[in-house]
Amino acid sequence: MFMYGSICLCTKCSTLHIYGAKIRAPHALVMTFLFKNGSLKDKLQAIAQATYMHARNLACFVFTYKGLLALQHYLKGRNSQVHSFLAAFVGGWLVFGENNHINSQINMYLLSRILFGLSRLAVEKGYIPEPKRDPFPIFGALVWGIVLWLFEYHRHTLQPSLQSSMTYLYDDSSIWHDITDFLVYNKRNTSAGK
């Protein structure tokens, strides 16, 4: 049994490295070439580093989570809902508790999914009534109203990558250089003229 569990954990780690690379590499590629300055070598290193960190963190988390689940099952002789929470809590603390740009993005991604899941669970359990109409238009309006208010008046409170994206969309798009603004990237490299 132990050998089978060890093989499963190794397989999961390998799978997660591949999954993490598939998820992070395209995102890092786009964001790096859109918003970062530096040489091609620096950009490629940043992409490789972000991809590695994302894949490694996912693999470490799953290894920790599954290992702690197995340990709790071994000690208690059964599975319990609290076991899942405790194993994930410890894994989250150890792996995703460091405040860096990769963990921040992963945690925020999960937070949005958790809020949706908890909303659905609250309806399913009868804690809140089933909406009579689709609540998504109100949700979309609130999200965009709040984020643009924060961007316009409290920009420093937003995550740096969101600030960069919104600056490009809402500030840089107000500046006209020439026809290439419609074809490529409309922000000029300020260090090129120095």
N, C-alpha and C. Protein backbone atom coordinates (compact mmCIF):
# COMPACT_ATOMS: atom_id res chain seq x y z
N MET A 1 0.83 -1.20 0.00
CA MET A 1 0.00 0.00 0.00
C MET A 1 0.87 1.26 0.00
N PHE A 2 1.92 1.27 0.83
CA PHE A 2 2.79 2.43 0.89
C PHE A 2 3.46 2.69 -0.46
N MET A 3 3.91 1.61 -1.12
CA MET A 3 4.57 1.74 -2.42
C MET A 3 3.61 2.33 -3.45
N TYR A 4 2.37 1.85 -3.45
CA TYR A 4 1.35 2.36 -4.38
C TYR A 4 1.11 3.85 -4.13
N GLY A 5 0.99 4.23 -2.84
CA GLY A 5 0.78 5.64 -2.49
C GLY A 5 1.95 6.50 -2.92
N SER A 6 3.17 6.00 -2.76
CA SER A 6 4.36 6.75 -3.17
C SER A 6 4.40 6.95 -4.68
N ILE A 7 4.04 5.91 -5.43
CA ILE A 7 4.01 6.03 -6.89
C ILE A 7 2.94 7.03 -7.32
N CYS A 8 1.77 6.98 -6.67
CA CYS A 8 0.70 7.93 -6.99
C CYS A 8 1.15 9.37 -6.73
N LEU A 9 1.84 9.59 -5.59
CA LEU A 9 2.30 10.94 -5.27
C LEU A 9 3.32 11.43 -6.29
N CYS A 10 4.25 10.57 -6.69
CA CYS A 10 5.24 10.95 -7.70
C CYS A 10 4.57 11.26 -9.04
N THR A 11 3.58 10.44 -9.41
CA THR A 11 2.85 10.68 -10.66
C THR A 11 2.12 12.02 -10.60
N LYS A 12 1.50 12.30 -9.45
CA LYS A 12 0.79 13.57 -9.29
C LYS A 12 1.75 14.75 -9.40
N CYS A 13 2.91 14.65 -8.79
CA CYS A 13 3.89 15.74 -8.87
C CYS A 13 4.31 15.99 -10.31
N SER A 14 4.57 14.93 -11.03
CA SER A 14 4.94 15.06 -12.44
C SER A 14 3.82 15.70 -13.24
N THR A 15 2.61 15.22 -13.03
CA THR A 15 1.44 15.77 -13.73
C THR A 15 1.27 17.25 -13.41
N LEU A 16 1.47 17.61 -12.15
CA LEU A 16 1.29 19.01 -11.75
C LEU A 16 2.37 19.92 -12.30
N HIS A 17 3.59 19.43 -12.43
CA HIS A 17 4.63 20.24 -13.07
C HIS A 17 4.21 20.55 -14.51
N ILE A 18 3.69 19.55 -15.20
CA ILE A 18 3.26 19.76 -16.58
C ILE A 18 2.07 20.72 -16.62
N TYR A 19 1.09 20.51 -15.73
CA TYR A 19 -0.09 21.36 -15.68
C TYR A 19 0.30 22.81 -15.36
N GLY A 20 1.17 22.98 -14.36
CA GLY A 20 1.62 24.33 -13.99
C GLY A 20 2.32 25.02 -15.13
N ALA A 21 3.13 24.28 -15.87
CA ALA A 21 3.82 24.87 -17.02
C ALA A 21 2.83 25.26 -18.11
N LYS A 22 1.84 24.42 -18.36
CA LYS A 22 0.84 24.73 -19.39
C LYS A 22 0.03 25.97 -19.02
N ILE A 23 -0.24 26.15 -17.74
CA ILE A 23 -1.04 27.29 -17.29
C ILE A 23 -0.19 28.57 -17.25
N ARG A 24 0.97 28.50 -16.64
CA ARG A 24 1.76 29.71 -16.39
C ARG A 24 2.54 30.19 -17.60
N ALA A 25 3.13 29.30 -18.38
CA ALA A 25 4.01 29.73 -19.48
C ALA A 25 3.31 30.67 -20.46
N PRO A 26 2.11 30.35 -20.97
CA PRO A 26 1.46 31.28 -21.91
C PRO A 26 1.15 32.63 -21.25
N HIS A 27 0.67 32.58 -20.00
CA HIS A 27 0.36 33.83 -19.29
C HIS A 27 1.62 34.67 -19.09
N ALA A 28 2.68 34.03 -18.63
CA ALA A 28 3.94 34.75 -18.40
C ALA A 28 4.50 35.31 -19.70
N LEU A 29 4.39 34.55 -20.78
CA LEU A 29 4.87 35.00 -22.08
C LEU A 29 4.16 36.29 -22.50
N VAL A 30 2.85 36.28 -22.45
CA VAL A 30 2.07 37.46 -22.87
C VAL A 30 2.35 38.65 -21.96
N MET A 31 2.26 38.44 -20.64
CA MET A 31 2.44 39.56 -19.71
C MET A 31 3.86 40.12 -19.76
N THR A 32 4.85 39.27 -19.91
CA THR A 32 6.24 39.72 -19.96
C THR A 32 6.49 40.56 -21.21
N PHE A 33 6.03 40.09 -22.36
CA PHE A 33 6.29 40.84 -23.58
C PHE A 33 5.42 42.09 -23.70
N LEU A 34 4.29 42.12 -23.02
CA LEU A 34 3.46 43.32 -23.06
C LEU A 34 3.95 44.39 -22.09
N PHE A 35 4.34 43.99 -20.89
CA PHE A 35 4.53 44.98 -19.84
C PHE A 35 5.93 45.09 -19.24
N LYS A 36 6.84 44.22 -19.58
CA LYS A 36 8.17 44.30 -18.97
C LYS A 36 9.19 44.83 -19.95
N ASN A 37 10.10 45.61 -19.43
CA ASN A 37 11.23 46.09 -20.21
C ASN A 37 12.41 45.17 -19.96
N GLY A 38 13.38 45.25 -20.83
CA GLY A 38 14.58 44.44 -20.65
C GLY A 38 14.94 43.69 -21.92
N SER A 39 16.05 43.02 -21.85
CA SER A 39 16.53 42.28 -23.01
C SER A 39 15.69 41.02 -23.22
N LEU A 40 15.84 40.43 -24.38
CA LEU A 40 15.14 39.17 -24.68
C LEU A 40 15.54 38.10 -23.67
N LYS A 41 16.82 38.05 -23.33
CA LYS A 41 17.31 37.08 -22.36
C LYS A 41 16.64 37.28 -21.00
N ASP A 42 16.54 38.55 -20.55
CA ASP A 42 15.89 38.84 -19.26
C ASP A 42 14.43 38.42 -19.29
N LYS A 43 13.76 38.68 -20.40
CA LYS A 43 12.34 38.32 -20.51
C LYS A 43 12.15 36.81 -20.49
N LEU A 44 13.00 36.09 -21.22
CA LEU A 44 12.89 34.63 -21.25
C LEU A 44 13.19 34.02 -19.88
N GLN A 45 14.15 34.61 -19.16
CA GLN A 45 14.45 34.15 -17.80
C GLN A 45 13.27 34.38 -16.87
N ALA A 46 12.62 35.54 -17.00
CA ALA A 46 11.46 35.84 -16.17
C ALA A 46 10.32 34.87 -16.45
N ILE A 47 10.11 34.54 -17.72
CA ILE A 47 9.06 33.58 -18.09
C ILE A 47 9.37 32.21 -17.51
N ALA A 48 10.62 31.75 -17.66
CA ALA A 48 11.02 30.44 -17.13
C ALA A 48 10.90 30.40 -15.61
N GLN A 49 11.29 31.47 -14.95
CA GLN A 49 11.24 31.52 -13.49
C GLN A 49 9.79 31.48 -13.00
N ALA A 50 8.90 32.26 -13.62
CA ALA A 50 7.49 32.27 -13.23
C ALA A 50 6.85 30.91 -13.48
N THR A 51 7.18 30.31 -14.61
CA THR A 51 6.62 29.00 -14.95
C THR A 51 7.09 27.95 -13.95
N TYR A 52 8.37 27.96 -13.64
CA TYR A 52 8.92 27.00 -12.68
C TYR A 52 8.27 27.17 -11.31
N MET A 53 8.17 28.42 -10.83
CA MET A 53 7.61 28.67 -9.51
C MET A 53 6.15 28.21 -9.43
N HIS A 54 5.38 28.49 -10.47
CA HIS A 54 3.97 28.10 -10.48
C HIS A 54 3.86 26.57 -10.44
N ALA A 55 4.59 25.90 -11.31
CA ALA A 55 4.54 24.44 -11.39
C ALA A 55 5.03 23.81 -10.09
N ARG A 56 6.13 24.31 -9.56
CA ARG A 56 6.69 23.78 -8.31
C ARG A 56 5.72 23.95 -7.15
N ASN A 57 5.11 25.13 -7.06
CA ASN A 57 4.19 25.37 -5.95
C ASN A 57 2.96 24.47 -6.03
N LEU A 58 2.43 24.27 -7.23
CA LEU A 58 1.29 23.35 -7.36
C LEU A 58 1.68 21.94 -6.96
N ALA A 59 2.84 21.49 -7.41
CA ALA A 59 3.30 20.14 -7.08
C ALA A 59 3.54 20.00 -5.58
N CYS A 60 4.17 20.98 -4.97
CA CYS A 60 4.43 20.92 -3.53
C CYS A 60 3.13 20.93 -2.73
N PHE A 61 2.17 21.75 -3.19
CA PHE A 61 0.90 21.82 -2.48
C PHE A 61 0.18 20.47 -2.54
N VAL A 62 0.07 19.90 -3.73
CA VAL A 62 -0.65 18.63 -3.87
C VAL A 62 0.04 17.53 -3.08
N PHE A 63 1.37 17.50 -3.12
CA PHE A 63 2.12 16.52 -2.35
C PHE A 63 1.81 16.67 -0.86
N THR A 64 1.82 17.91 -0.36
CA THR A 64 1.53 18.18 1.05
C THR A 64 0.09 17.82 1.38
N TYR A 65 -0.85 18.27 0.55
CA TYR A 65 -2.27 18.02 0.78
C TYR A 65 -2.58 16.53 0.81
N LYS A 66 -2.16 15.82 -0.22
CA LYS A 66 -2.45 14.39 -0.30
C LYS A 66 -1.74 13.62 0.82
N GLY A 67 -0.53 14.02 1.14
CA GLY A 67 0.19 13.37 2.23
C GLY A 67 -0.50 13.57 3.57
N LEU A 68 -0.97 14.78 3.84
CA LEU A 68 -1.66 15.05 5.10
C LEU A 68 -3.03 14.36 5.15
N LEU A 69 -3.70 14.28 4.01
CA LEU A 69 -4.97 13.54 3.96
C LEU A 69 -4.73 12.07 4.31
N ALA A 70 -3.70 11.49 3.69
CA ALA A 70 -3.38 10.08 3.96
C ALA A 70 -3.01 9.86 5.42
N LEU A 71 -2.24 10.79 5.98
CA LEU A 71 -1.85 10.68 7.39
C LEU A 71 -3.08 10.74 8.30
N GLN A 72 -3.97 11.68 8.04
CA GLN A 72 -5.18 11.80 8.87
C GLN A 72 -6.06 10.55 8.75
N HIS A 73 -6.15 10.03 7.54
CA HIS A 73 -6.94 8.81 7.34
C HIS A 73 -6.30 7.64 8.11
N TYR A 74 -5.00 7.57 8.06
CA TYR A 74 -4.28 6.51 8.78
C TYR A 74 -4.50 6.63 10.30
N LEU A 75 -4.42 7.87 10.82
CA LEU A 75 -4.55 8.09 12.26
C LEU A 75 -5.99 7.91 12.74
N LYS A 76 -6.98 8.34 11.96
CA LYS A 76 -8.38 8.28 12.38
C LYS A 76 -9.12 7.05 11.86
N GLY A 77 -8.57 6.42 10.81
CA GLY A 77 -9.21 5.25 10.25
C GLY A 77 -10.39 5.54 9.33
N ARG A 78 -10.61 6.81 9.03
CA ARG A 78 -11.71 7.20 8.15
C ARG A 78 -11.44 8.61 7.59
N ASN A 79 -12.21 9.00 6.58
CA ASN A 79 -12.12 10.35 6.02
C ASN A 79 -13.20 11.24 6.63
N SER A 80 -12.89 12.52 6.71
CA SER A 80 -13.83 13.49 7.24
C SER A 80 -13.68 14.80 6.46
N GLN A 81 -14.76 15.58 6.38
CA GLN A 81 -14.68 16.86 5.67
C GLN A 81 -13.62 17.78 6.28
N VAL A 82 -13.49 17.74 7.58
CA VAL A 82 -12.51 18.60 8.24
C VAL A 82 -11.08 18.22 7.86
N HIS A 83 -10.85 16.95 7.53
CA HIS A 83 -9.51 16.52 7.10
C HIS A 83 -9.08 17.26 5.85
N SER A 84 -9.99 17.39 4.90
CA SER A 84 -9.68 18.09 3.66
C SER A 84 -9.31 19.55 3.94
N PHE A 85 -10.12 20.20 4.77
CA PHE A 85 -9.85 21.60 5.11
C PHE A 85 -8.50 21.75 5.81
N LEU A 86 -8.24 20.90 6.81
CA LEU A 86 -6.99 21.00 7.57
C LEU A 86 -5.76 20.75 6.70
N ALA A 87 -5.85 19.73 5.85
CA ALA A 87 -4.72 19.42 4.97
C ALA A 87 -4.46 20.58 4.00
N ALA A 88 -5.52 21.13 3.44
CA ALA A 88 -5.37 22.26 2.52
C ALA A 88 -4.91 23.52 3.24
N PHE A 89 -5.40 23.72 4.46
CA PHE A 89 -4.99 24.87 5.26
C PHE A 89 -3.49 24.85 5.51
N VAL A 90 -2.98 23.70 5.94
CA VAL A 90 -1.55 23.57 6.21
C VAL A 90 -0.76 23.73 4.90
N GLY A 91 -1.21 23.05 3.83
CA GLY A 91 -0.55 23.19 2.53
C GLY A 91 -0.56 24.62 2.02
N GLY A 92 -1.69 25.28 2.18
CA GLY A 92 -1.78 26.68 1.76
C GLY A 92 -0.84 27.58 2.54
N TRP A 93 -0.75 27.33 3.84
CA TRP A 93 0.15 28.11 4.70
C TRP A 93 1.60 27.91 4.27
N LEU A 94 1.98 26.65 4.09
CA LEU A 94 3.37 26.33 3.77
C LEU A 94 3.78 26.72 2.35
N VAL A 95 2.90 26.50 1.38
CA VAL A 95 3.26 26.68 -0.03
C VAL A 95 2.81 28.03 -0.58
N PHE A 96 1.57 28.41 -0.31
CA PHE A 96 1.03 29.63 -0.90
C PHE A 96 0.95 30.79 0.08
N GLY A 97 1.59 30.64 1.24
CA GLY A 97 1.58 31.70 2.24
C GLY A 97 2.61 32.79 2.00
N GLU A 98 3.61 32.53 1.18
CA GLU A 98 4.60 33.56 0.87
C GLU A 98 3.99 34.58 -0.08
N ASN A 99 4.12 35.86 0.24
CA ASN A 99 3.51 36.92 -0.56
C ASN A 99 4.43 37.27 -1.73
N ASN A 100 4.18 36.61 -2.88
CA ASN A 100 4.90 36.93 -4.11
C ASN A 100 3.89 36.99 -5.25
N HIS A 101 4.31 37.44 -6.42
CA HIS A 101 3.35 37.67 -7.50
C HIS A 101 2.68 36.40 -7.99
N ILE A 102 3.34 35.29 -7.97
CA ILE A 102 2.73 34.03 -8.43
C ILE A 102 1.67 33.58 -7.43
N ASN A 103 2.04 33.50 -6.15
CA ASN A 103 1.07 33.08 -5.13
C ASN A 103 -0.10 34.04 -5.04
N SER A 104 0.17 35.32 -5.18
CA SER A 104 -0.90 36.32 -5.13
C SER A 104 -1.92 36.06 -6.23
N GLN A 105 -1.46 35.83 -7.45
CA GLN A 105 -2.38 35.57 -8.56
C GLN A 105 -3.15 34.27 -8.36
N ILE A 106 -2.48 33.23 -7.91
CA ILE A 106 -3.16 31.96 -7.68
C ILE A 106 -4.21 32.11 -6.58
N ASN A 107 -3.84 32.74 -5.48
CA ASN A 107 -4.78 32.92 -4.37
C ASN A 107 -5.98 33.78 -4.77
N MET A 108 -5.75 34.83 -5.54
CA MET A 108 -6.87 35.67 -5.97
C MET A 108 -7.77 34.93 -6.96
N TYR A 109 -7.17 34.14 -7.83
CA TYR A 109 -7.94 33.31 -8.75
C TYR A 109 -8.86 32.38 -7.96
N LEU A 110 -8.29 31.72 -6.95
CA LEU A 110 -9.08 30.80 -6.14
C LEU A 110 -10.15 31.52 -5.34
N LEU A 111 -9.84 32.70 -4.82
CA LEU A 111 -10.82 33.46 -4.05
C LEU A 111 -12.07 33.74 -4.87
N SER A 112 -11.90 34.13 -6.12
CA SER A 112 -13.08 34.40 -6.96
C SER A 112 -13.90 33.13 -7.17
N ARG A 113 -13.24 32.00 -7.35
CA ARG A 113 -13.95 30.73 -7.53
C ARG A 113 -14.63 30.28 -6.24
N ILE A 114 -13.98 30.54 -5.11
CA ILE A 114 -14.55 30.19 -3.81
C ILE A 114 -15.83 30.99 -3.57
N LEU A 115 -15.80 32.28 -3.86
CA LEU A 115 -16.99 33.11 -3.64
C LEU A 115 -18.18 32.61 -4.47
N PHE A 116 -17.92 32.23 -5.71
CA PHE A 116 -18.97 31.66 -6.54
C PHE A 116 -19.48 30.35 -5.93
N GLY A 117 -18.55 29.49 -5.54
CA GLY A 117 -18.92 28.21 -4.97
C GLY A 117 -19.71 28.35 -3.68
N LEU A 118 -19.28 29.25 -2.80
CA LEU A 118 -20.01 29.47 -1.55
C LEU A 118 -21.40 30.06 -1.80
N SER A 119 -21.51 30.93 -2.80
CA SER A 119 -22.83 31.47 -3.15
C SER A 119 -23.76 30.37 -3.61
N ARG A 120 -23.27 29.50 -4.46
CA ARG A 120 -24.09 28.38 -4.94
C ARG A 120 -24.45 27.43 -3.80
N LEU A 121 -23.49 27.17 -2.92
CA LEU A 121 -23.75 26.30 -1.78
C LEU A 121 -24.80 26.90 -0.85
N ALA A 122 -24.72 28.22 -0.64
CA ALA A 122 -25.70 28.89 0.22
C ALA A 122 -27.11 28.77 -0.35
N VAL A 123 -27.24 28.86 -1.67
CA VAL A 123 -28.55 28.67 -2.30
C VAL A 123 -28.98 27.21 -2.16
N GLU A 124 -28.06 26.30 -2.45
CA GLU A 124 -28.35 24.86 -2.39
C GLU A 124 -28.81 24.43 -1.00
N LYS A 125 -28.18 24.98 0.04
CA LYS A 125 -28.52 24.62 1.42
C LYS A 125 -29.71 25.41 1.96
N GLY A 126 -30.19 26.39 1.20
CA GLY A 126 -31.34 27.18 1.63
C GLY A 126 -31.00 28.34 2.54
N TYR A 127 -29.72 28.70 2.65
CA TYR A 127 -29.33 29.84 3.48
C TYR A 127 -29.74 31.16 2.85
N ILE A 128 -29.70 31.21 1.55
CA ILE A 128 -30.20 32.38 0.82
C ILE A 128 -31.17 31.87 -0.25
N PRO A 129 -32.18 32.68 -0.59
CA PRO A 129 -33.17 32.21 -1.57
C PRO A 129 -32.59 32.14 -2.98
N GLU A 130 -33.17 31.26 -3.77
CA GLU A 130 -32.81 31.15 -5.19
C GLU A 130 -33.15 32.47 -5.87
N PRO A 131 -32.20 33.08 -6.59
CA PRO A 131 -32.51 34.34 -7.28
C PRO A 131 -33.61 34.12 -8.32
N LYS A 132 -34.52 35.09 -8.41
CA LYS A 132 -35.60 35.01 -9.39
C LYS A 132 -35.09 35.33 -10.80
N ARG A 133 -34.06 36.16 -10.88
CA ARG A 133 -33.44 36.49 -12.16
C ARG A 133 -31.95 36.18 -12.07
N ASP A 134 -31.32 36.11 -13.21
CA ASP A 134 -29.88 35.86 -13.28
C ASP A 134 -29.14 37.01 -12.59
N PRO A 135 -28.37 36.72 -11.52
CA PRO A 135 -27.66 37.78 -10.80
C PRO A 135 -26.36 38.22 -11.50
N PHE A 136 -25.99 37.55 -12.58
CA PHE A 136 -24.70 37.84 -13.20
C PHE A 136 -24.57 39.28 -13.70
N PRO A 137 -25.60 39.89 -14.30
CA PRO A 137 -25.45 41.30 -14.71
C PRO A 137 -25.13 42.24 -13.54
N ILE A 138 -25.75 42.01 -12.39
CA ILE A 138 -25.46 42.84 -11.22
C ILE A 138 -24.04 42.58 -10.74
N PHE A 139 -23.64 41.31 -10.74
CA PHE A 139 -22.28 40.94 -10.35
C PHE A 139 -21.26 41.63 -11.26
N GLY A 140 -21.46 41.54 -12.57
CA GLY A 140 -20.54 42.18 -13.52
C GLY A 140 -20.47 43.68 -13.32
N ALA A 141 -21.64 44.31 -13.11
CA ALA A 141 -21.68 45.76 -12.91
C ALA A 141 -20.93 46.15 -11.64
N LEU A 142 -21.13 45.41 -10.56
CA LEU A 142 -20.43 45.72 -9.30
C LEU A 142 -18.92 45.54 -9.43
N VAL A 143 -18.50 44.43 -10.04
CA VAL A 143 -17.07 44.18 -10.20
C VAL A 143 -16.41 45.30 -10.97
N TRP A 144 -16.98 45.66 -12.13
CA TRP A 144 -16.37 46.69 -12.96
C TRP A 144 -16.51 48.08 -12.36
N GLY A 145 -17.62 48.36 -11.70
CA GLY A 145 -17.76 49.65 -11.03
C GLY A 145 -16.72 49.84 -9.94
N ILE A 146 -16.54 48.81 -9.14
CA ILE A 146 -15.59 48.90 -8.02
C ILE A 146 -14.15 48.96 -8.53
N VAL A 147 -13.78 48.11 -9.50
CA VAL A 147 -12.39 48.09 -9.95
C VAL A 147 -12.00 49.40 -10.63
N LEU A 148 -12.90 50.00 -11.40
CA LEU A 148 -12.55 51.27 -12.05
C LEU A 148 -12.53 52.42 -11.04
N TRP A 149 -13.38 52.37 -10.03
CA TRP A 149 -13.32 53.37 -8.97
C TRP A 149 -11.99 53.25 -8.24
N LEU A 150 -11.58 52.02 -7.89
CA LEU A 150 -10.29 51.84 -7.25
C LEU A 150 -9.15 52.30 -8.16
N PHE A 151 -9.22 51.96 -9.44
CA PHE A 151 -8.16 52.34 -10.37
C PHE A 151 -8.05 53.86 -10.49
N GLU A 152 -9.16 54.54 -10.60
CA GLU A 152 -9.14 55.99 -10.79
C GLU A 152 -8.77 56.76 -9.52
N TYR A 153 -9.17 56.27 -8.35
CA TYR A 153 -9.00 57.06 -7.13
C TYR A 153 -8.13 56.43 -6.05
N HIS A 154 -7.86 55.14 -6.15
CA HIS A 154 -7.04 54.46 -5.14
C HIS A 154 -6.17 53.40 -5.83
N ARG A 155 -5.53 53.80 -6.89
CA ARG A 155 -4.77 52.89 -7.76
C ARG A 155 -3.75 52.06 -6.99
N HIS A 156 -3.11 52.65 -6.01
CA HIS A 156 -2.05 51.97 -5.26
C HIS A 156 -2.56 50.72 -4.53
N THR A 157 -3.87 50.60 -4.35
CA THR A 157 -4.41 49.45 -3.63
C THR A 157 -4.55 48.21 -4.51
N LEU A 158 -4.44 48.39 -5.82
CA LEU A 158 -4.61 47.27 -6.75
C LEU A 158 -3.29 46.53 -6.94
N GLN A 159 -3.39 45.27 -7.27
CA GLN A 159 -2.21 44.45 -7.53
C GLN A 159 -1.43 45.04 -8.71
N PRO A 160 -0.09 45.01 -8.68
CA PRO A 160 0.72 45.63 -9.73
C PRO A 160 0.39 45.17 -11.16
N SER A 161 0.14 43.89 -11.36
CA SER A 161 -0.15 43.44 -12.73
C SER A 161 -1.50 43.98 -13.21
N LEU A 162 -2.46 44.11 -12.29
CA LEU A 162 -3.75 44.71 -12.66
C LEU A 162 -3.56 46.20 -12.94
N GLN A 163 -2.75 46.86 -12.14
CA GLN A 163 -2.45 48.27 -12.40
C GLN A 163 -1.84 48.45 -13.79
N SER A 164 -0.89 47.58 -14.15
CA SER A 164 -0.24 47.67 -15.47
C SER A 164 -1.26 47.49 -16.59
N SER A 165 -2.10 46.47 -16.47
CA SER A 165 -3.10 46.22 -17.50
C SER A 165 -4.06 47.39 -17.63
N MET A 166 -4.52 47.89 -16.50
CA MET A 166 -5.50 48.98 -16.54
C MET A 166 -4.86 50.29 -16.99
N THR A 167 -3.62 50.53 -16.63
CA THR A 167 -2.92 51.71 -17.12
C THR A 167 -2.82 51.66 -18.64
N TYR A 168 -2.48 50.50 -19.15
CA TYR A 168 -2.38 50.33 -20.61
C TYR A 168 -3.74 50.58 -21.26
N LEU A 169 -4.79 50.00 -20.70
CA LEU A 169 -6.12 50.12 -21.31
C LEU A 169 -6.73 51.51 -21.17
N TYR A 170 -6.59 52.14 -20.01
CA TYR A 170 -7.33 53.37 -19.75
C TYR A 170 -6.49 54.64 -19.80
N ASP A 171 -5.20 54.56 -19.53
CA ASP A 171 -4.36 55.76 -19.59
C ASP A 171 -3.59 55.82 -20.92
N ASP A 172 -2.85 54.76 -21.23
CA ASP A 172 -2.02 54.76 -22.44
C ASP A 172 -2.86 54.85 -23.71
N SER A 173 -4.08 54.34 -23.66
CA SER A 173 -4.94 54.38 -24.85
C SER A 173 -5.42 55.80 -25.16
N SER A 174 -5.22 56.72 -24.25
CA SER A 174 -5.60 58.12 -24.48
C SER A 174 -4.51 58.90 -25.18
N ILE A 175 -3.35 58.28 -25.37
CA ILE A 175 -2.20 58.97 -25.98
C ILE A 175 -2.01 58.47 -27.40
N TRP A 176 -1.90 59.41 -28.34
CA TRP A 176 -1.73 59.07 -29.76
C TRP A 176 -0.31 59.41 -30.18
N HIS A 177 0.36 58.45 -30.82
CA HIS A 177 1.70 58.69 -31.35
C HIS A 177 1.65 58.71 -32.87
N ASP A 178 1.23 57.60 -33.45
CA ASP A 178 1.11 57.48 -34.91
C ASP A 178 0.27 56.23 -35.22
N ILE A 179 0.21 55.83 -36.47
CA ILE A 179 -0.63 54.72 -36.90
C ILE A 179 -0.25 53.39 -36.25
N THR A 180 1.01 53.27 -35.80
CA THR A 180 1.42 52.01 -35.18
C THR A 180 0.70 51.75 -33.86
N ASP A 181 0.12 52.80 -33.26
CA ASP A 181 -0.65 52.59 -32.04
C ASP A 181 -1.79 51.60 -32.26
N PHE A 182 -2.32 51.55 -33.48
CA PHE A 182 -3.41 50.63 -33.78
C PHE A 182 -2.91 49.23 -34.14
N LEU A 183 -1.64 49.12 -34.44
CA LEU A 183 -1.11 47.87 -34.95
C LEU A 183 -0.29 47.08 -33.95
N VAL A 184 0.42 47.78 -33.07
CA VAL A 184 1.33 47.09 -32.17
C VAL A 184 0.97 47.47 -30.73
N TYR A 185 1.90 48.00 -30.03
CA TYR A 185 1.77 48.36 -28.62
C TYR A 185 1.91 49.87 -28.55
N ASN A 186 0.93 50.56 -28.00
CA ASN A 186 0.93 52.01 -28.09
C ASN A 186 1.72 52.74 -27.00
N LYS A 187 2.50 52.04 -26.23
CA LYS A 187 3.31 52.70 -25.21
C LYS A 187 4.75 52.74 -25.69
N ARG A 188 5.30 53.90 -25.74
CA ARG A 188 6.67 54.08 -26.19
C ARG A 188 7.65 53.77 -25.07
N ASN A 189 8.80 53.25 -25.44
CA ASN A 189 9.86 53.00 -24.48
C ASN A 189 10.50 54.34 -24.12
N THR A 190 10.32 54.81 -22.89
CA THR A 190 10.82 56.13 -22.49
C THR A 190 12.33 56.18 -22.39
N SER A 191 12.97 55.04 -22.17
CA SER A 191 14.43 55.03 -22.05
C SER A 191 15.12 55.07 -23.40
N ALA A 192 14.39 54.84 -24.51
CA ALA A 192 15.00 54.81 -25.82
C ALA A 192 15.48 56.18 -26.26
N GLY A 193 14.76 57.23 -25.82
CA GLY A 193 15.13 58.57 -26.24
C GLY A 193 16.22 59.19 -25.39
N LYS A 194 16.62 58.54 -24.34
CA LYS A 194 17.63 59.11 -23.42
C LYS A 194 19.03 58.77 -23.83
